[in-house]
């Protein structure tokens, strides 16, 4: 984690369950992705499609 604490330490410090923290982290990741510019998302899509094509080619040969 960015704080240097483990998730277990964070949950203990906040008096919350691990599943709650995991949900918060997942939501943050989703929000972080959605807050990016469309150009950044497009570039990432292009990169992932290229990577996917290369990986498929590696499997075929």
N, C-alpha and C. Protein backbone atom coordinates (compact mmCIF):
# COMPACT_ATOMS: atom_id res chain seq x y z
N UNK A 1 0.84 -1.17 0.00
CA UNK A 1 0.00 0.00 0.00
C UNK A 1 0.89 1.24 0.00
N UNK A 2 0.34 2.34 -0.45
CA UNK A 2 1.11 3.57 -0.55
C UNK A 2 1.62 4.04 0.81
N UNK A 3 0.91 3.70 1.86
CA UNK A 3 1.32 4.14 3.20
C UNK A 3 2.47 3.31 3.75
N UNK A 4 2.75 2.19 3.11
CA UNK A 4 3.76 1.28 3.61
C UNK A 4 3.21 0.26 4.58
N UNK A 5 1.92 0.40 4.91
CA UNK A 5 1.28 -0.55 5.82
C UNK A 5 0.68 -1.70 5.02
N UNK A 6 0.61 -2.85 5.64
CA UNK A 6 -0.06 -3.97 5.00
C UNK A 6 -1.56 -3.75 5.08
N UNK A 7 -2.30 -4.47 4.26
CA UNK A 7 -3.76 -4.36 4.32
C UNK A 7 -4.28 -4.78 5.69
N UNK A 8 -3.64 -5.77 6.27
CA UNK A 8 -4.06 -6.22 7.60
C UNK A 8 -3.90 -5.10 8.63
N UNK A 9 -2.78 -4.38 8.53
CA UNK A 9 -2.53 -3.26 9.45
C UNK A 9 -3.56 -2.14 9.24
N UNK A 10 -3.89 -1.88 7.99
CA UNK A 10 -4.85 -0.83 7.68
C UNK A 10 -6.23 -1.19 8.23
N UNK A 11 -6.64 -2.44 8.01
CA UNK A 11 -7.97 -2.84 8.49
C UNK A 11 -8.03 -2.76 10.01
N UNK A 12 -6.96 -3.13 10.68
CA UNK A 12 -6.94 -3.06 12.15
C UNK A 12 -6.99 -1.60 12.62
N UNK A 13 -6.24 -0.74 11.95
CA UNK A 13 -6.21 0.65 12.33
C UNK A 13 -7.52 1.38 12.10
N UNK A 14 -8.26 0.96 11.07
CA UNK A 14 -9.54 1.60 10.76
C UNK A 14 -10.73 0.86 11.37
N UNK A 15 -10.46 -0.28 11.98
CA UNK A 15 -11.52 -1.13 12.55
C UNK A 15 -12.56 -1.50 11.50
N UNK A 16 -12.06 -1.96 10.34
CA UNK A 16 -12.94 -2.42 9.27
C UNK A 16 -12.50 -3.82 8.87
N UNK A 17 -13.35 -4.50 8.14
CA UNK A 17 -13.03 -5.84 7.66
C UNK A 17 -12.18 -5.79 6.40
N UNK A 18 -11.48 -6.87 6.15
CA UNK A 18 -10.64 -6.98 4.96
C UNK A 18 -11.47 -6.83 3.70
N UNK A 19 -12.68 -7.41 3.68
CA UNK A 19 -13.51 -7.32 2.48
C UNK A 19 -13.90 -5.88 2.18
N UNK A 20 -14.13 -5.09 3.22
CA UNK A 20 -14.46 -3.67 3.02
C UNK A 20 -13.28 -2.94 2.38
N UNK A 21 -12.09 -3.16 2.90
CA UNK A 21 -10.91 -2.52 2.35
C UNK A 21 -10.70 -2.96 0.90
N UNK A 22 -10.86 -4.24 0.64
CA UNK A 22 -10.69 -4.75 -0.72
C UNK A 22 -11.68 -4.09 -1.67
N UNK A 23 -12.92 -3.89 -1.23
CA UNK A 23 -13.93 -3.22 -2.06
C UNK A 23 -13.51 -1.78 -2.33
N UNK A 24 -12.99 -1.08 -1.31
CA UNK A 24 -12.55 0.30 -1.48
C UNK A 24 -11.40 0.37 -2.48
N UNK A 25 -10.47 -0.55 -2.37
CA UNK A 25 -9.32 -0.55 -3.28
C UNK A 25 -9.78 -0.81 -4.71
N UNK A 26 -10.68 -1.78 -4.88
CA UNK A 26 -11.20 -2.09 -6.22
C UNK A 26 -11.94 -0.89 -6.79
N UNK A 27 -12.73 -0.22 -5.98
CA UNK A 27 -13.47 0.95 -6.44
C UNK A 27 -12.51 2.08 -6.83
N UNK A 28 -11.48 2.25 -6.04
CA UNK A 28 -10.49 3.29 -6.34
C UNK A 28 -9.81 3.00 -7.68
N UNK A 29 -9.45 1.75 -7.91
CA UNK A 29 -8.80 1.40 -9.17
C UNK A 29 -9.73 1.68 -10.33
N UNK A 30 -11.02 1.33 -10.18
CA UNK A 30 -12.00 1.58 -11.23
C UNK A 30 -12.14 3.09 -11.48
N UNK A 31 -12.28 3.86 -10.41
CA UNK A 31 -12.43 5.31 -10.53
C UNK A 31 -11.19 5.94 -11.13
N UNK A 32 -10.00 5.43 -10.75
CA UNK A 32 -8.76 5.96 -11.28
C UNK A 32 -8.70 5.74 -12.78
N UNK A 33 -9.10 4.56 -13.24
CA UNK A 33 -9.10 4.25 -14.67
C UNK A 33 -10.09 5.15 -15.40
N UNK A 34 -11.26 5.33 -14.82
CA UNK A 34 -12.30 6.11 -15.48
C UNK A 34 -12.00 7.61 -15.48
N UNK A 35 -11.12 8.06 -14.61
CA UNK A 35 -10.81 9.49 -14.55
C UNK A 35 -9.74 9.88 -15.57
N UNK A 36 -9.13 8.89 -16.20
CA UNK A 36 -8.10 9.19 -17.18
C UNK A 36 -8.73 9.80 -18.43
N UNK A 37 -7.94 10.53 -19.18
CA UNK A 37 -8.45 11.15 -20.40
C UNK A 37 -8.76 10.07 -21.44
N UNK A 38 -9.60 10.44 -22.39
CA UNK A 38 -9.95 9.49 -23.44
C UNK A 38 -8.73 9.13 -24.28
N UNK A 39 -7.83 10.07 -24.44
CA UNK A 39 -6.61 9.78 -25.19
C UNK A 39 -5.78 8.71 -24.49
N UNK A 40 -5.66 8.83 -23.18
CA UNK A 40 -4.91 7.83 -22.41
C UNK A 40 -5.58 6.46 -22.51
N UNK A 41 -6.90 6.44 -22.42
CA UNK A 41 -7.63 5.18 -22.51
C UNK A 41 -7.47 4.57 -23.90
N UNK A 42 -7.52 5.40 -24.92
CA UNK A 42 -7.35 4.91 -26.28
C UNK A 42 -5.96 4.32 -26.47
N UNK A 43 -4.94 5.02 -25.98
CA UNK A 43 -3.57 4.52 -26.09
C UNK A 43 -3.41 3.19 -25.36
N UNK A 44 -4.04 3.09 -24.19
CA UNK A 44 -3.97 1.83 -23.43
C UNK A 44 -4.68 0.71 -24.18
N UNK A 45 -5.82 1.02 -24.79
CA UNK A 45 -6.55 0.03 -25.57
C UNK A 45 -5.70 -0.46 -26.74
N UNK A 46 -5.07 0.46 -27.45
CA UNK A 46 -4.20 0.09 -28.57
C UNK A 46 -3.06 -0.79 -28.08
N UNK A 47 -2.45 -0.42 -26.97
CA UNK A 47 -1.34 -1.21 -26.41
C UNK A 47 -1.79 -2.61 -26.04
N UNK A 48 -2.95 -2.71 -25.40
CA UNK A 48 -3.45 -4.01 -24.97
C UNK A 48 -3.85 -4.89 -26.17
N UNK A 49 -4.42 -4.28 -27.18
CA UNK A 49 -4.77 -5.05 -28.39
C UNK A 49 -3.51 -5.59 -29.06
N UNK A 50 -2.47 -4.77 -29.12
CA UNK A 50 -1.20 -5.21 -29.72
C UNK A 50 -0.61 -6.36 -28.90
N UNK A 51 -0.61 -6.18 -27.58
CA UNK A 51 -0.08 -7.24 -26.70
C UNK A 51 -0.88 -8.52 -26.87
N UNK A 52 -2.19 -8.40 -26.96
CA UNK A 52 -3.05 -9.57 -27.13
C UNK A 52 -2.75 -10.28 -28.45
N UNK A 53 -2.58 -9.50 -29.52
CA UNK A 53 -2.27 -10.09 -30.83
C UNK A 53 -0.94 -10.83 -30.78
N UNK A 54 0.06 -10.23 -30.15
CA UNK A 54 1.38 -10.87 -30.04
C UNK A 54 1.27 -12.16 -29.24
N UNK A 55 0.54 -12.13 -28.14
CA UNK A 55 0.39 -13.33 -27.32
C UNK A 55 -0.34 -14.44 -28.07
N UNK A 56 -1.34 -14.08 -28.84
CA UNK A 56 -2.05 -15.07 -29.65
C UNK A 56 -1.14 -15.68 -30.69
N UNK A 57 -0.29 -14.85 -31.32
CA UNK A 57 0.65 -15.36 -32.30
C UNK A 57 1.64 -16.33 -31.66
N UNK A 58 2.07 -16.04 -30.47
CA UNK A 58 3.00 -16.92 -29.76
C UNK A 58 2.38 -18.27 -29.47
N UNK A 59 1.10 -18.30 -29.20
CA UNK A 59 0.40 -19.55 -28.88
C UNK A 59 0.22 -20.38 -30.15
N UNK A 60 -0.06 -19.74 -31.25
CA UNK A 60 -0.31 -20.44 -32.50
C UNK A 60 0.95 -21.10 -33.03
N UNK A 61 2.09 -20.45 -32.87
CA UNK A 61 3.34 -20.98 -33.45
C UNK A 61 4.07 -21.74 -32.45
